Amino acid sequence: MLVLLIKLAIGALAGFVATYLMGSKKKPIWVYMILGIVGAFVGHFLAGIIGLSARGIAGFAVSVAGSCLVIWLANKYLK
């Protein structure tokens, strides 16, 4: 249970960082934090598919990359 809470917090932080990297400020920050949580799971899923196991700082970078992808898709298709 604690691991899940930590992953959710890291995903929210990744969404916060990705919001500023993408220059997206059209929606409230909590929307981007939720997209960041989803993006963190997507990023780690895609990294696992290509055979990467990211931990620590690399894991956070994968979370931010996944968050950027999900935020980009949300901005493109959910207007």
C-alpha atoms as a PDB file:
ATOM      1  CA  MET A   1       0.000   0.000   0.000  1.00  0.00           C
ATOM      2  CA  LEU A   2       2.828   2.392   0.837  1.00  0.00           C
ATOM      3  CA  VAL A   3       4.517   1.645  -2.492  1.00  0.00           C
ATOM      4  CA  LEU A   4       1.327   2.592  -4.339  1.00  0.00           C
ATOM      5  CA  LEU A   5       1.091   5.885  -2.450  1.00  0.00           C
ATOM      6  CA  ILE A   6       4.721   6.665  -3.257  1.00  0.00           C
ATOM      7  CA  LYS A   7       4.126   5.895  -6.941  1.00  0.00           C
ATOM      8  CA  LEU A   8       1.073   8.153  -6.956  1.00  0.00           C
ATOM      9  CA  ALA A   9       3.068  10.980  -5.368  1.00  0.00           C
ATOM     10  CA  ILE A  10       5.913  10.551  -7.859  1.00  0.00           C
ATOM     11  CA  GLY A  11       3.410  10.493 -10.722  1.00  0.00           C
ATOM     12  CA  ALA A  12       1.796  13.705  -9.468  1.00  0.00           C
ATOM     13  CA  LEU A  13       5.214  15.351  -9.213  1.00  0.00           C
ATOM     14  CA  ALA A  14       6.077  14.114 -12.716  1.00  0.00           C
ATOM     15  CA  GLY A  15       2.838  15.648 -13.997  1.00  0.00           C
ATOM     16  CA  PHE A  16       3.717  18.925 -12.310  1.00  0.00           C
ATOM     17  CA  VAL A  17       7.171  18.935 -13.950  1.00  0.00           C
ATOM     18  CA  ALA A  18       5.785  17.830 -17.332  1.00  0.00           C
ATOM     19  CA  THR A  19       3.274  20.685 -17.267  1.00  0.00           C
ATOM     20  CA  TYR A  20       6.094  23.203 -17.227  1.00  0.00           C
ATOM     21  CA  LEU A  21       8.209  21.287 -19.735  1.00  0.00           C
ATOM     22  CA  MET A  22       5.283  21.186 -22.167  1.00  0.00           C
ATOM     23  CA  GLY A  23       4.319  24.815 -21.537  1.00  0.00           C
ATOM     24  CA  SER A  24       0.731  23.732 -20.856  1.00  0.00           C
ATOM     25  CA  LYS A  25      -1.257  25.925 -18.526  1.00  0.00           C
ATOM     26  CA  LYS A  26      -4.705  25.749 -20.101  1.00  0.00           C
ATOM     27  CA  LYS A  27      -6.237  23.610 -17.358  1.00  0.00           C
ATOM     28  CA  PRO A  28      -5.926  23.653 -13.550  1.00  0.00           C
ATOM     29  CA  ILE A  29      -2.728  22.099 -12.183  1.00  0.00           C
ATOM     30  CA  TRP A  30      -4.602  19.217 -10.499  1.00  0.00           C
ATOM     31  CA  VAL A  31      -5.748  18.029 -13.952  1.00  0.00           C
ATOM     32  CA  TYR A  32      -2.136  17.847 -15.078  1.00  0.00           C
ATOM     33  CA  MET A  33      -1.151  16.074 -11.874  1.00  0.00           C
ATOM     34  CA  ILE A  34      -3.772  13.384 -12.546  1.00  0.00           C
ATOM     35  CA  LEU A  35      -2.556  13.135 -16.138  1.00  0.00           C
ATOM     36  CA  GLY A  36       0.957  12.852 -14.696  1.00  0.00           C
ATOM     37  CA  ILE A  37      -0.048   9.883 -12.545  1.00  0.00           C
ATOM     38  CA  VAL A  38      -1.534   8.177 -15.602  1.00  0.00           C
ATOM     39  CA  GLY A  39       1.531   9.186 -17.623  1.00  0.00           C
ATOM     40  CA  ALA A  40       3.903   7.711 -15.063  1.00  0.00           C
ATOM     41  CA  PHE A  41       2.215   4.329 -15.366  1.00  0.00           C
ATOM     42  CA  VAL A  42       2.157   4.627 -19.169  1.00  0.00           C
ATOM     43  CA  GLY A  43       5.835   5.578 -19.255  1.00  0.00           C
ATOM     44  CA  HIS A  44       6.887   2.631 -17.118  1.00  0.00           C
ATOM     45  CA  PHE A  45       4.657   0.293 -19.116  1.00  0.00           C
ATOM     46  CA  LEU A  46       6.223   1.432 -22.398  1.00  0.00           C
ATOM     47  CA  ALA A  47       9.720   1.246 -20.915  1.00  0.00           C
ATOM     48  CA  GLY A  48       8.993  -2.318 -19.818  1.00  0.00           C
ATOM     49  CA  ILE A  49       7.832  -3.236 -23.314  1.00  0.00           C
ATOM     50  CA  ILE A  50      11.138  -2.155 -24.815  1.00  0.00           C
ATOM     51  CA  GLY A  51      13.079  -3.883 -22.050  1.00  0.00           C
ATOM     52  CA  LEU A  52      14.069  -0.993 -19.782  1.00  0.00           C
ATOM     53  CA  SER A  53      13.833  -1.207 -16.025  1.00  0.00           C
ATOM     54  CA  ALA A  54      14.150   2.315 -14.680  1.00  0.00           C
ATOM     55  CA  ARG A  55      14.711   3.002 -10.988  1.00  0.00           C
ATOM     56  CA  GLY A  56      15.619   6.141  -9.059  1.00  0.00           C
ATOM     57  CA  ILE A  57      16.310   9.237 -11.144  1.00  0.00           C
ATOM     58  CA  ALA A  58      15.928   7.271 -14.377  1.00  0.00           C
ATOM     59  CA  GLY A  59      12.523   6.078 -13.167  1.00  0.00           C
ATOM     60  CA  PHE A  60      11.493   9.667 -12.517  1.00  0.00           C
ATOM     61  CA  ALA A  61      12.694  10.629 -16.011  1.00  0.00           C
ATOM     62  CA  VAL A  62      10.571   7.824 -17.486  1.00  0.00           C
ATOM     63  CA  SER A  63       7.609   9.083 -15.440  1.00  0.00           C
ATOM     64  CA  VAL A  64       8.099  12.625 -16.730  1.00  0.00           C
ATOM     65  CA  ALA A  65       8.414  11.372 -20.328  1.00  0.00           C
ATOM     66  CA  GLY A  66       5.223   9.344 -19.984  1.00  0.00           C
ATOM     67  CA  SER A  67       3.495  12.345 -18.422  1.00  0.00           C
ATOM     68  CA  CYS A  68       4.596  14.562 -21.308  1.00  0.00           C
ATOM     69  CA  LEU A  69       3.159  12.008 -23.743  1.00  0.00           C
ATOM     70  CA  VAL A  70      -0.185  11.807 -21.936  1.00  0.00           C
ATOM     71  CA  ILE A  71      -0.418  15.607 -21.535  1.00  0.00           C
ATOM     72  CA  TRP A  72       0.372  16.079 -25.223  1.00  0.00           C
ATOM     73  CA  LEU A  73      -2.322  13.553 -26.188  1.00  0.00           C
ATOM     74  CA  ALA A  74      -4.828  15.167 -23.817  1.00  0.00           C
ATOM     75  CA  ASN A  75      -4.128  18.647 -25.201  1.00  0.00           C
ATOM     76  CA  LYS A  76      -4.399  17.363 -28.754  1.00  0.00           C
ATOM     77  CA  TYR A  77      -7.584  15.314 -28.460  1.00  0.00           C
ATOM     78  CA  LEU A  78      -9.458  16.674 -25.416  1.00  0.00           C
ATOM     79  CA  LYS A  79     -10.106  20.335 -26.143  1.00  0.00           C
END
